[in-house]
Amino acid sequence: AYMSKYMSKFDEPYERAKELNRAADVSQLAPGAKVALKTHTQTFDDRATRFLEDQWKTSMELLGYSDYDSFVAAVRKRNQKLFG
């Protein structure tokens, strides 16, 4: 709700994107609806799935998270402790 109400806050100025080397495809910087308002199914092919699994193994497993659920559980436990 917040993101859809304030979509303009999620637009990135071209100059800032250029400084951060994110200006290769200028069309992505155009103001517009970048927040999905309806649910949509994401489908990954085998190559994408392997890529994501490899990335998880090289970064998140090293931190002790065997899968996404274990990461979510740790975040929720931390947030419960911090915020009640």
Protein backbone atom coordinates (compact mmCIF):
# COMPACT_ATOMS: atom_id res chain seq x y z
CA ALA A 1 0.00 0.00 0.00
CA TYR A 2 2.74 2.48 0.96
CA MET A 3 4.84 1.75 -2.10
CA SER A 4 1.91 2.10 -4.50
CA LYS A 5 0.87 5.37 -2.85
CA TYR A 6 4.36 6.86 -3.15
CA MET A 7 5.66 5.36 -6.42
CA SER A 8 7.58 8.52 -7.30
CA LYS A 9 9.84 7.93 -4.29
CA PHE A 10 11.14 4.83 -6.07
CA ASP A 11 12.25 6.67 -9.21
CA GLU A 12 16.00 7.07 -9.41
CA PRO A 13 17.40 10.24 -11.00
CA TYR A 14 19.52 9.62 -14.09
CA GLU A 15 22.59 11.42 -12.74
CA ARG A 16 22.60 9.31 -9.56
CA ALA A 17 22.20 6.14 -11.58
CA LYS A 18 25.08 7.22 -13.81
CA GLU A 19 27.33 7.79 -10.78
CA LEU A 20 26.48 4.31 -9.50
CA ASN A 21 26.95 2.70 -12.94
CA ARG A 22 23.27 1.77 -13.19
CA ALA A 23 22.52 3.83 -16.28
CA ALA A 24 23.22 1.26 -19.00
CA ASP A 25 19.52 0.96 -19.85
CA VAL A 26 18.04 4.45 -19.52
CA SER A 27 14.52 3.14 -20.17
CA GLN A 28 14.52 1.56 -16.70
CA LEU A 29 15.00 4.99 -15.15
CA ALA A 30 11.91 6.53 -16.72
CA PRO A 31 9.29 7.58 -14.16
CA GLY A 32 6.43 5.15 -14.04
CA ALA A 33 4.75 2.33 -12.19
CA LYS A 34 7.50 0.12 -10.85
CA VAL A 35 5.45 -1.37 -8.05
CA ALA A 36 3.34 -4.44 -8.83
CA LEU A 37 -0.19 -3.93 -7.59
CA LYS A 38 -1.45 -7.41 -8.51
CA THR A 39 0.04 -10.76 -7.62
CA HIS A 40 1.89 -12.41 -10.47
CA THR A 41 3.61 -15.76 -10.68
CA GLN A 42 7.35 -15.72 -11.20
CA THR A 43 8.67 -18.63 -13.23
CA PHE A 44 12.37 -19.41 -13.44
CA ASP A 45 13.98 -21.69 -15.99
CA ASP A 46 16.59 -24.27 -14.95
CA ARG A 47 19.47 -21.89 -15.62
CA ALA A 48 17.98 -19.19 -13.38
CA THR A 49 17.21 -21.68 -10.63
CA ARG A 50 20.78 -23.03 -10.69
CA PHE A 51 22.14 -19.48 -10.61
CA LEU A 52 20.05 -18.59 -7.55
CA GLU A 53 21.00 -21.83 -5.79
CA ASP A 54 24.71 -21.23 -6.51
CA GLN A 55 24.45 -17.66 -5.24
CA TRP A 56 22.76 -18.87 -2.07
CA LYS A 57 25.51 -21.44 -1.48
CA THR A 58 28.33 -18.95 -1.98
CA SER A 59 26.88 -16.24 0.21
CA MET A 60 24.08 -17.30 2.56
CA GLU A 61 25.22 -20.82 3.47
CA LEU A 62 28.52 -19.34 4.63
CA LEU A 63 26.49 -17.32 7.13
CA GLY A 64 24.74 -20.45 8.41
CA TYR A 65 21.46 -20.28 6.47
CA SER A 66 20.76 -23.58 4.73
CA ASP A 67 17.73 -22.20 2.90
CA TYR A 68 15.42 -19.20 2.72
CA ASP A 69 13.19 -20.50 5.51
CA SER A 70 16.11 -20.66 7.94
CA PHE A 71 17.03 -17.08 7.03
CA VAL A 72 13.44 -15.88 7.55
CA ALA A 73 13.27 -17.64 10.91
CA ALA A 74 16.47 -15.90 12.06
CA VAL A 75 15.22 -12.48 10.94
CA ARG A 76 11.87 -12.98 12.66
CA LYS A 77 13.58 -14.11 15.87
CA ARG A 78 15.86 -11.06 15.79
CA ASN A 79 12.98 -8.69 15.09
CA GLN A 80 10.89 -10.23 17.87
CA LYS A 81 13.76 -9.66 20.29
CA LEU A 82 14.34 -6.07 19.11
CA PHE A 83 10.78 -4.90 18.60
CA GLY A 84 8.64 -7.25 20.67
